Amino acid sequence: MGFDGKGLTLLTPEAGNHTVHLSPSGDHFVDVYSQPDVPPVANFRSTKGSLITNLGKADISRLQAKGWKAPSPVAVKAADGVTDIYGLVFTPTNMIPAKKYPVIDYIYPGPQGGSVGSWSFSPSRGDNQALAELGFIVVVMEGTSNPYRSKSFHDMSYGNMAENTLPDQITAIRQLSKTYPIDTSKVGIWGHSGGGFATAAALLRYPDFFKVGIAESGNHDNRNYEDDWGSVIMG
């Protein structure tokens, strides 16, 4: 394998977010992978590419017996109509047929990491499911310019922190309303820190779409915020 992107071998082919623990010899590794709606699986593999044995899978039966409900991973198009973006949707456990639900958009625009955070399995993701149980559909979308994608993806709003992934949030919710019973006339938004900054921007710049919001501890003027954050990542 070189560093030119050629001759690469995929050692962890299963779909999911992977954490690898290499053996001292470097010949083997333990791979633990999961998804937001799929509990962790551990495999023992060779660095030559072969699966040696499955070590186990997390048992979430007791979690499910308590009424736990997994979020639904979703994929939609960004505001440019071309780029794929991903997120999670949380719905009430007992949904009423034919009812349209108000939506809450939980936002953290990044750019060093987005709204979802880890894409590994987690039994709790803040208050998202708790809000859903109160009678909302909660949407958590990773907007453009966040990590672990291409350079062109990161550059989509480079130098423009004020964009806050808001065009992506709006177009995502509109697309999701074709699949989920979302009332797009009743959209709320909230977030902390960069999410508070984004929430205030949403209410001021897109009041026809976002009707209510809670901006928690927002860094609303990044000229006097941390010089080791926005300047480094967004120029």
C-alpha atoms as a PDB file:
ATOM      1  CA  MET A   1       0.000   0.000   0.000  1.00  0.00           C
ATOM      2  CA  GLY A   2       1.263   3.450  -0.892  1.00  0.00           C
ATOM      3  CA  PHE A   3       0.155   6.890   0.135  1.00  0.00           C
ATOM      4  CA  ASP A   4      -1.128   7.697  -3.347  1.00  0.00           C
ATOM      5  CA  GLY A   5      -4.515   6.060  -2.709  1.00  0.00           C
ATOM      6  CA  LYS A   6      -3.695   2.997  -4.802  1.00  0.00           C
ATOM      7  CA  GLY A   7      -3.448  -0.626  -3.731  1.00  0.00           C
ATOM      8  CA  LEU A   8      -5.723  -0.191  -0.733  1.00  0.00           C
ATOM      9  CA  THR A   9      -7.241  -3.218   1.014  1.00  0.00           C
ATOM     10  CA  LEU A  10     -10.472  -2.893   2.994  1.00  0.00           C
ATOM     11  CA  LEU A  11      -9.911  -4.724   6.286  1.00  0.00           C
ATOM     12  CA  THR A  12     -13.253  -3.919   7.940  1.00  0.00           C
ATOM     13  CA  PRO A  13     -15.959  -4.413   5.271  1.00  0.00           C
ATOM     14  CA  GLU A  14     -19.017  -4.478   7.549  1.00  0.00           C
ATOM     15  CA  ALA A  15     -21.253  -1.396   7.502  1.00  0.00           C
ATOM     16  CA  GLY A  16     -20.823   0.694  10.621  1.00  0.00           C
ATOM     17  CA  ASN A  17     -18.538   2.915  12.655  1.00  0.00           C
ATOM     18  CA  HIS A  18     -15.377   0.932  13.449  1.00  0.00           C
ATOM     19  CA  THR A  19     -12.936   1.000  16.359  1.00  0.00           C
ATOM     20  CA  VAL A  20      -9.795  -1.055  15.825  1.00  0.00           C
ATOM     21  CA  HIS A  21      -7.430  -2.438  18.488  1.00  0.00           C
ATOM     22  CA  LEU A  22      -4.166  -3.674  16.939  1.00  0.00           C
ATOM     23  CA  SER A  23      -2.244  -6.587  18.480  1.00  0.00           C
ATOM     24  CA  PRO A  24       1.327  -5.965  19.730  1.00  0.00           C
ATOM     25  CA  SER A  25       2.683  -7.999  16.813  1.00  0.00           C
ATOM     26  CA  GLY A  26       0.711  -5.984  14.277  1.00  0.00           C
ATOM     27  CA  ASP A  27      -0.555  -9.192  12.660  1.00  0.00           C
ATOM     28  CA  HIS A  28      -4.087  -9.164  14.091  1.00  0.00           C
ATOM     29  CA  PHE A  29      -6.664  -6.753  15.404  1.00  0.00           C
ATOM     30  CA  VAL A  30      -9.990  -6.641  17.201  1.00  0.00           C
ATOM     31  CA  ASP A  31     -12.609  -4.655  15.298  1.00  0.00           C
ATOM     32  CA  VAL A  32     -15.668  -3.386  17.174  1.00  0.00           C
ATOM     33  CA  TYR A  33     -18.290  -1.821  14.928  1.00  0.00           C
ATOM     34  CA  SER A  34     -21.848  -0.566  15.296  1.00  0.00           C
ATOM     35  CA  GLN A  35     -24.442   1.841  13.931  1.00  0.00           C
ATOM     36  CA  PRO A  36     -26.868   4.162  15.739  1.00  0.00           C
ATOM     37  CA  ASP A  37     -29.564   1.498  15.399  1.00  0.00           C
ATOM     38  CA  VAL A  38     -27.295  -1.599  15.401  1.00  0.00           C
ATOM     39  CA  PRO A  39     -25.559  -2.695  18.649  1.00  0.00           C
ATOM     40  CA  PRO A  40     -21.795  -3.375  18.713  1.00  0.00           C
ATOM     41  CA  VAL A  41     -20.249  -6.452  17.104  1.00  0.00           C
ATOM     42  CA  ALA A  42     -16.670  -7.535  17.839  1.00  0.00           C
ATOM     43  CA  ASN A  43     -14.576  -9.461  15.304  1.00  0.00           C
ATOM     44  CA  PHE A  44     -11.044 -10.857  15.445  1.00  0.00           C
ATOM     45  CA  ARG A  45      -9.289 -10.271  12.128  1.00  0.00           C
ATOM     46  CA  SER A  46      -5.940 -10.682  10.434  1.00  0.00           C
ATOM     47  CA  THR A  47      -4.200  -7.643   9.001  1.00  0.00           C
ATOM     48  CA  LYS A  48      -3.952  -9.726   5.809  1.00  0.00           C
ATOM     49  CA  GLY A  49      -7.697  -9.196   5.429  1.00  0.00           C
ATOM     50  CA  SER A  50      -9.323 -12.390   6.702  1.00  0.00           C
ATOM     51  CA  LEU A  51     -11.942 -12.795   9.405  1.00  0.00           C
ATOM     52  CA  ILE A  52     -10.650 -15.246  12.031  1.00  0.00           C
ATOM     53  CA  THR A  53     -13.659 -15.364  14.347  1.00  0.00           C
ATOM     54  CA  ASN A  54     -16.594 -13.410  15.664  1.00  0.00           C
ATOM     55  CA  LEU A  55     -16.042 -12.516  19.315  1.00  0.00           C
ATOM     56  CA  GLY A  56     -19.569 -11.457  20.198  1.00  0.00           C
ATOM     57  CA  LYS A  57     -22.468  -9.054  19.815  1.00  0.00           C
ATOM     58  CA  ALA A  58     -23.948  -6.724  22.396  1.00  0.00           C
ATOM     59  CA  ASP A  59     -27.246  -7.917  23.877  1.00  0.00           C
ATOM     60  CA  ILE A  60     -29.733  -5.036  24.124  1.00  0.00           C
ATOM     61  CA  SER A  61     -32.779  -7.145  24.982  1.00  0.00           C
ATOM     62  CA  ARG A  62     -33.102  -5.625  28.464  1.00  0.00           C
ATOM     63  CA  LEU A  63     -32.809  -2.141  26.960  1.00  0.00           C
ATOM     64  CA  GLN A  64     -35.577  -2.926  24.481  1.00  0.00           C
ATOM     65  CA  ALA A  65     -37.718  -4.443  27.243  1.00  0.00           C
ATOM     66  CA  LYS A  66     -37.631  -1.042  28.970  1.00  0.00           C
ATOM     67  CA  GLY A  67     -39.158   0.543  25.874  1.00  0.00           C
ATOM     68  CA  TRP A  68     -35.990   1.834  24.246  1.00  0.00           C
ATOM     69  CA  LYS A  69     -36.429   2.909  20.653  1.00  0.00           C
ATOM     70  CA  ALA A  70     -33.612   3.320  18.156  1.00  0.00           C
ATOM     71  CA  PRO A  71     -33.341   6.426  15.967  1.00  0.00           C
ATOM     72  CA  SER A  72     -33.721   6.015  12.227  1.00  0.00           C
ATOM     73  CA  PRO A  73     -30.650   6.823  10.096  1.00  0.00           C
ATOM     74  CA  VAL A  74     -31.587   8.860   7.013  1.00  0.00           C
ATOM     75  CA  ALA A  75     -29.878  10.133   3.877  1.00  0.00           C
ATOM     76  CA  VAL A  76     -31.047  13.177   1.907  1.00  0.00           C
ATOM     77  CA  LYS A  77     -29.572  15.748  -0.459  1.00  0.00           C
ATOM     78  CA  ALA A  78     -27.897  18.928   0.723  1.00  0.00           C
ATOM     79  CA  ALA A  79     -29.075  22.364  -0.349  1.00  0.00           C
ATOM     80  CA  ASP A  80     -27.094  22.036  -3.582  1.00  0.00           C
ATOM     81  CA  GLY A  81     -29.399  19.177  -4.616  1.00  0.00           C
ATOM     82  CA  VAL A  82     -26.420  16.910  -5.342  1.00  0.00           C
ATOM     83  CA  THR A  83     -24.397  16.202  -2.197  1.00  0.00           C
ATOM     84  CA  ASP A  84     -25.487  13.393   0.123  1.00  0.00           C
ATOM     85  CA  ILE A  85     -25.913  14.311   3.785  1.00  0.00           C
ATOM     86  CA  TYR A  86     -26.882  12.049   6.654  1.00  0.00           C
ATOM     87  CA  GLY A  87     -28.726  12.251   9.933  1.00  0.00           C
ATOM     88  CA  LEU A  88     -31.026  10.654  12.483  1.00  0.00           C
ATOM     89  CA  VAL A  89     -34.784  10.940  12.999  1.00  0.00           C
ATOM     90  CA  PHE A  90     -36.448  10.343  16.376  1.00  0.00           C
ATOM     91  CA  THR A  91     -40.194   9.631  16.432  1.00  0.00           C
ATOM     92  CA  PRO A  92     -42.674   9.045  19.269  1.00  0.00           C
ATOM     93  CA  THR A  93     -43.036   5.428  20.348  1.00  0.00           C
ATOM     94  CA  ASN A  94     -46.804   5.509  19.818  1.00  0.00           C
ATOM     95  CA  MET A  95     -47.511   7.548  16.711  1.00  0.00           C
ATOM     96  CA  ILE A  96     -51.066   8.573  15.895  1.00  0.00           C
ATOM     97  CA  PRO A  97     -52.122   7.551  12.377  1.00  0.00           C
ATOM     98  CA  ALA A  98     -52.750  10.429   9.940  1.00  0.00           C
ATOM     99  CA  LYS A  99     -51.397  13.007  12.424  1.00  0.00           C
ATOM    100  CA  LYS A 100     -48.853  15.586  11.293  1.00  0.00           C
ATOM    101  CA  TYR A 101     -46.193  16.238  13.916  1.00  0.00           C
ATOM    102  CA  PRO A 102     -44.308  19.463  14.630  1.00  0.00           C
ATOM    103  CA  VAL A 103     -40.584  19.043  14.113  1.00  0.00           C
ATOM    104  CA  ILE A 104     -37.637  20.014  16.293  1.00  0.00           C
ATOM    105  CA  ASP A 105     -34.297  20.456  14.556  1.00  0.00           C
ATOM    106  CA  TYR A 106     -31.394  19.857  16.952  1.00  0.00           C
ATOM    107  CA  ILE A 107     -28.403  21.603  15.405  1.00  0.00           C
ATOM    108  CA  TYR A 108     -24.687  21.751  15.954  1.00  0.00           C
ATOM    109  CA  PRO A 109     -23.231  23.089  12.717  1.00  0.00           C
ATOM    110  CA  GLY A 110     -19.622  22.253  13.447  1.00  0.00           C
ATOM    111  CA  PRO A 111     -17.364  22.681  11.543  1.00  0.00           C
ATOM    112  CA  GLN A 112     -15.179  20.318  13.613  1.00  0.00           C
ATOM    113  CA  GLY A 113     -18.030  17.856  14.161  1.00  0.00           C
ATOM    114  CA  GLY A 114     -21.742  17.996  13.508  1.00  0.00           C
ATOM    115  CA  SER A 115     -25.119  17.424  15.107  1.00  0.00           C
ATOM    116  CA  VAL A 116     -25.034  13.623  15.258  1.00  0.00           C
ATOM    117  CA  GLY A 117     -21.637  13.332  16.919  1.00  0.00           C
ATOM    118  CA  SER A 118     -20.612   9.678  17.038  1.00  0.00           C
ATOM    119  CA  TRP A 119     -22.184   7.334  14.496  1.00  0.00           C
ATOM    120  CA  SER A 120     -21.598   4.392  16.823  1.00  0.00           C
ATOM    121  CA  PHE A 121     -24.378   2.759  18.831  1.00  0.00           C
ATOM    122  CA  SER A 122     -25.464   4.683  21.900  1.00  0.00           C
ATOM    123  CA  PRO A 123     -28.463   3.979  24.151  1.00  0.00           C
ATOM    124  CA  SER A 124     -28.965   7.703  24.741  1.00  0.00           C
ATOM    125  CA  ARG A 125     -28.410  10.729  22.520  1.00  0.00           C
ATOM    126  CA  GLY A 126     -29.181  13.689  24.709  1.00  0.00           C
ATOM    127  CA  ASP A 127     -32.858  14.593  24.999  1.00  0.00           C
ATOM    128  CA  ASN A 128     -33.817  13.754  21.428  1.00  0.00           C
ATOM    129  CA  GLN A 129     -36.018  10.739  22.137  1.00  0.00           C
ATOM    130  CA  ALA A 130     -37.452  12.376  25.262  1.00  0.00           C
ATOM    131  CA  LEU A 131     -38.541  15.358  23.121  1.00  0.00           C
ATOM    132  CA  ALA A 132     -40.033  13.013  20.555  1.00  0.00           C
ATOM    133  CA  GLU A 133     -42.134  11.321  23.246  1.00  0.00           C
ATOM    134  CA  LEU A 134     -43.687  14.725  24.047  1.00  0.00           C
ATOM    135  CA  GLY A 135     -45.243  14.727  20.574  1.00  0.00           C
ATOM    136  CA  PHE A 136     -42.532  15.882  18.182  1.00  0.00           C
ATOM    137  CA  ILE A 137     -40.444  14.451  15.393  1.00  0.00           C
ATOM    138  CA  VAL A 138     -36.824  15.338  16.147  1.00  0.00           C
ATOM    139  CA  VAL A 139     -34.402  15.740  13.244  1.00  0.00           C
ATOM    140  CA  VAL A 140     -30.617  15.697  13.658  1.00  0.00           C
ATOM    141  CA  MET A 141     -28.741  16.367  10.397  1.00  0.00           C
ATOM    142  CA  GLU A 142     -25.031  16.584   9.620  1.00  0.00           C
ATOM    143  CA  GLY A 143     -24.726  19.620   7.385  1.00  0.00           C
ATOM    144  CA  THR A 144     -21.996  20.221   4.847  1.00  0.00           C
ATOM    145  CA  SER A 145     -18.397  21.152   5.747  1.00  0.00           C
ATOM    146  CA  ASN A 146     -18.057  18.715   8.649  1.00  0.00           C
ATOM    147  CA  PRO A 147     -15.196  16.170   8.973  1.00  0.00           C
ATOM    148  CA  TYR A 148     -14.562  12.698   7.571  1.00  0.00           C
ATOM    149  CA  ARG A 149     -15.737  13.544   4.087  1.00  0.00           C
ATOM    150  CA  SER A 150     -13.993  14.948   1.006  1.00  0.00           C
ATOM    151  CA  LYS A 151     -12.038  18.179   0.695  1.00  0.00           C
ATOM    152  CA  SER A 152     -14.744  19.518  -1.635  1.00  0.00           C
ATOM    153  CA  PHE A 153     -17.365  18.694   1.018  1.00  0.00           C
ATOM    154  CA  HIS A 154     -15.443  20.659   3.638  1.00  0.00           C
ATOM    155  CA  ASP A 155     -15.011  23.577   1.242  1.00  0.00           C
ATOM    156  CA  MET A 156     -18.767  23.979   0.636  1.00  0.00           C
ATOM    157  CA  SER A 157     -19.058  26.676   3.288  1.00  0.00           C
ATOM    158  CA  TYR A 158     -15.384  27.328   4.024  1.00  0.00           C
ATOM    159  CA  GLY A 159     -14.829  30.900   5.137  1.00  0.00           C
ATOM    160  CA  ASN A 160     -18.530  31.428   5.862  1.00  0.00           C
ATOM    161  CA  MET A 161     -19.392  30.313   9.398  1.00  0.00           C
ATOM    162  CA  ALA A 162     -22.598  32.374   9.247  1.00  0.00           C
ATOM    163  CA  GLU A 163     -24.126  29.813   6.892  1.00  0.00           C
ATOM    164  CA  ASN A 164     -24.354  27.393   9.845  1.00  0.00           C
ATOM    165  CA  THR A 165     -25.502  24.505   7.579  1.00  0.00           C
ATOM    166  CA  LEU A 166     -28.974  26.126   7.712  1.00  0.00           C
ATOM    167  CA  PRO A 167     -29.791  25.736   3.998  1.00  0.00           C
ATOM    168  CA  ASP A 168     -28.984  22.031   4.401  1.00  0.00           C
ATOM    169  CA  GLN A 169     -31.226  21.764   7.471  1.00  0.00           C
ATOM    170  CA  ILE A 170     -34.163  23.361   5.672  1.00  0.00           C
ATOM    171  CA  THR A 171     -33.917  21.277   2.529  1.00  0.00           C
ATOM    172  CA  ALA A 172     -33.415  18.111   4.612  1.00  0.00           C
ATOM    173  CA  ILE A 173     -36.573  18.678   6.658  1.00  0.00           C
ATOM    174  CA  ARG A 174     -38.576  19.353   3.500  1.00  0.00           C
ATOM    175  CA  GLN A 175     -37.339  16.096   1.985  1.00  0.00           C
ATOM    176  CA  LEU A 176     -38.006  14.140   5.187  1.00  0.00           C
ATOM    177  CA  SER A 177     -41.578  15.449   5.248  1.00  0.00           C
ATOM    178  CA  LYS A 178     -42.245  13.258   2.206  1.00  0.00           C
ATOM    179  CA  THR A 179     -41.390  10.164   4.263  1.00  0.00           C
ATOM    180  CA  TYR A 180     -42.318  11.153   7.818  1.00  0.00           C
ATOM    181  CA  PRO A 181     -45.560  12.870   8.968  1.00  0.00           C
ATOM    182  CA  ILE A 182     -43.848  16.214   9.540  1.00  0.00           C
ATOM    183  CA  ASP A 183     -45.754  19.494   9.667  1.00  0.00           C
ATOM    184  CA  THR A 184     -43.348  21.870   7.943  1.00  0.00           C
ATOM    185  CA  SER A 185     -45.396  24.861   9.118  1.00  0.00           C
ATOM    186  CA  LYS A 186     -44.380  24.064  12.705  1.00  0.00           C
ATOM    187  CA  VAL A 187     -40.587  23.846  12.820  1.00  0.00           C
ATOM    188  CA  GLY A 188     -38.555  24.581  15.944  1.00  0.00           C
ATOM    189  CA  ILE A 189     -34.782  24.600  16.335  1.00  0.00           C
ATOM    190  CA  TRP A 190     -32.378  24.514  19.238  1.00  0.00           C
ATOM    191  CA  GLY A 191     -28.698  24.052  19.973  1.00  0.00           C
ATOM    192  CA  HIS A 192     -25.875  24.815  22.375  1.00  0.00           C
ATOM    193  CA  SER A 193     -22.727  26.902  21.732  1.00  0.00           C
ATOM    194  CA  GLY A 194     -22.265  26.758  17.942  1.00  0.00           C
ATOM    195  CA  GLY A 195     -25.812  25.382  17.887  1.00  0.00           C
ATOM    196  CA  GLY A 196     -26.993  28.419  19.829  1.00  0.00           C
ATOM    197  CA  PHE A 197     -25.274  30.645  17.264  1.00  0.00           C
ATOM    198  CA  ALA A 198     -26.971  28.658  14.488  1.00  0.00           C
ATOM    199  CA  THR A 199     -30.372  28.833  16.188  1.00  0.00           C
ATOM    200  CA  ALA A 200     -30.286  32.615  16.466  1.00  0.00           C
ATOM    201  CA  ALA A 201     -29.168  32.836  12.840  1.00  0.00           C
ATOM    202  CA  ALA A 202     -32.018  30.517  11.814  1.00  0.00           C
ATOM    203  CA  LEU A 203     -34.652  32.695  13.493  1.00  0.00           C
ATOM    204  CA  LEU A 204     -33.229  35.931  12.090  1.00  0.00           C
ATOM    205  CA  ARG A 205     -32.423  34.753   8.565  1.00  0.00           C
ATOM    206  CA  TYR A 206     -35.161  32.167   7.927  1.00  0.00           C
ATOM    207  CA  PRO A 207     -38.177  33.268  10.030  1.00  0.00           C
ATOM    208  CA  ASP A 208     -40.632  31.948   7.446  1.00  0.00           C
ATOM    209  CA  PHE A 209     -39.353  28.412   8.110  1.00  0.00           C
ATOM    210  CA  PHE A 210     -38.162  28.340  11.723  1.00  0.00           C
ATOM    211  CA  LYS A 211     -40.995  29.522  13.968  1.00  0.00           C
ATOM    212  CA  VAL A 212     -39.425  29.071  17.415  1.00  0.00           C
ATOM    213  CA  GLY A 213     -35.990  28.364  18.831  1.00  0.00           C
ATOM    214  CA  ILE A 214     -33.839  28.108  21.925  1.00  0.00           C
ATOM    215  CA  ALA A 215     -30.323  29.501  21.450  1.00  0.00           C
ATOM    216  CA  GLU A 216     -28.311  28.112  24.361  1.00  0.00           C
ATOM    217  CA  SER A 217     -24.959  29.785  25.157  1.00  0.00           C
ATOM    218  CA  GLY A 218     -24.385  30.789  21.559  1.00  0.00           C
ATOM    219  CA  ASN A 219     -21.092  32.258  20.317  1.00  0.00           C
ATOM    220  CA  HIS A 220     -22.929  34.897  18.298  1.00  0.00           C
ATOM    221  CA  ASP A 221     -19.930  37.061  17.387  1.00  0.00           C
ATOM    222  CA  ASN A 222     -17.028  34.890  16.328  1.00  0.00           C
ATOM    223  CA  ARG A 223     -14.712  37.886  15.986  1.00  0.00           C
ATOM    224  CA  ASN A 224     -14.230  37.790  19.747  1.00  0.00           C
ATOM    225  CA  TYR A 225     -14.628  34.044  20.234  1.00  0.00           C
ATOM    226  CA  GLU A 226     -11.837  31.447  20.358  1.00  0.00           C
ATOM    227  CA  ASP A 227      -9.110  32.137  17.813  1.00  0.00           C
ATOM    228  CA  ASP A 228      -8.170  28.437  17.850  1.00  0.00           C
ATOM    229  CA  TRP A 229     -11.527  27.282  16.485  1.00  0.00           C
ATOM    230  CA  GLY A 230     -13.234  29.156  13.659  1.00  0.00           C
ATOM    231  CA  SER A 231     -10.058  30.664  12.253  1.00  0.00           C
ATOM    232  CA  VAL A 232      -8.210  27.360  12.144  1.00  0.00           C
ATOM    233  CA  ILE A 233     -11.024  25.256  10.715  1.00  0.00           C
ATOM    234  CA  MET A 234     -12.975  27.756   8.623  1.00  0.00           C
ATOM    235  CA  GLY A 235     -10.313  30.293   7.694  1.00  0.00           C
END
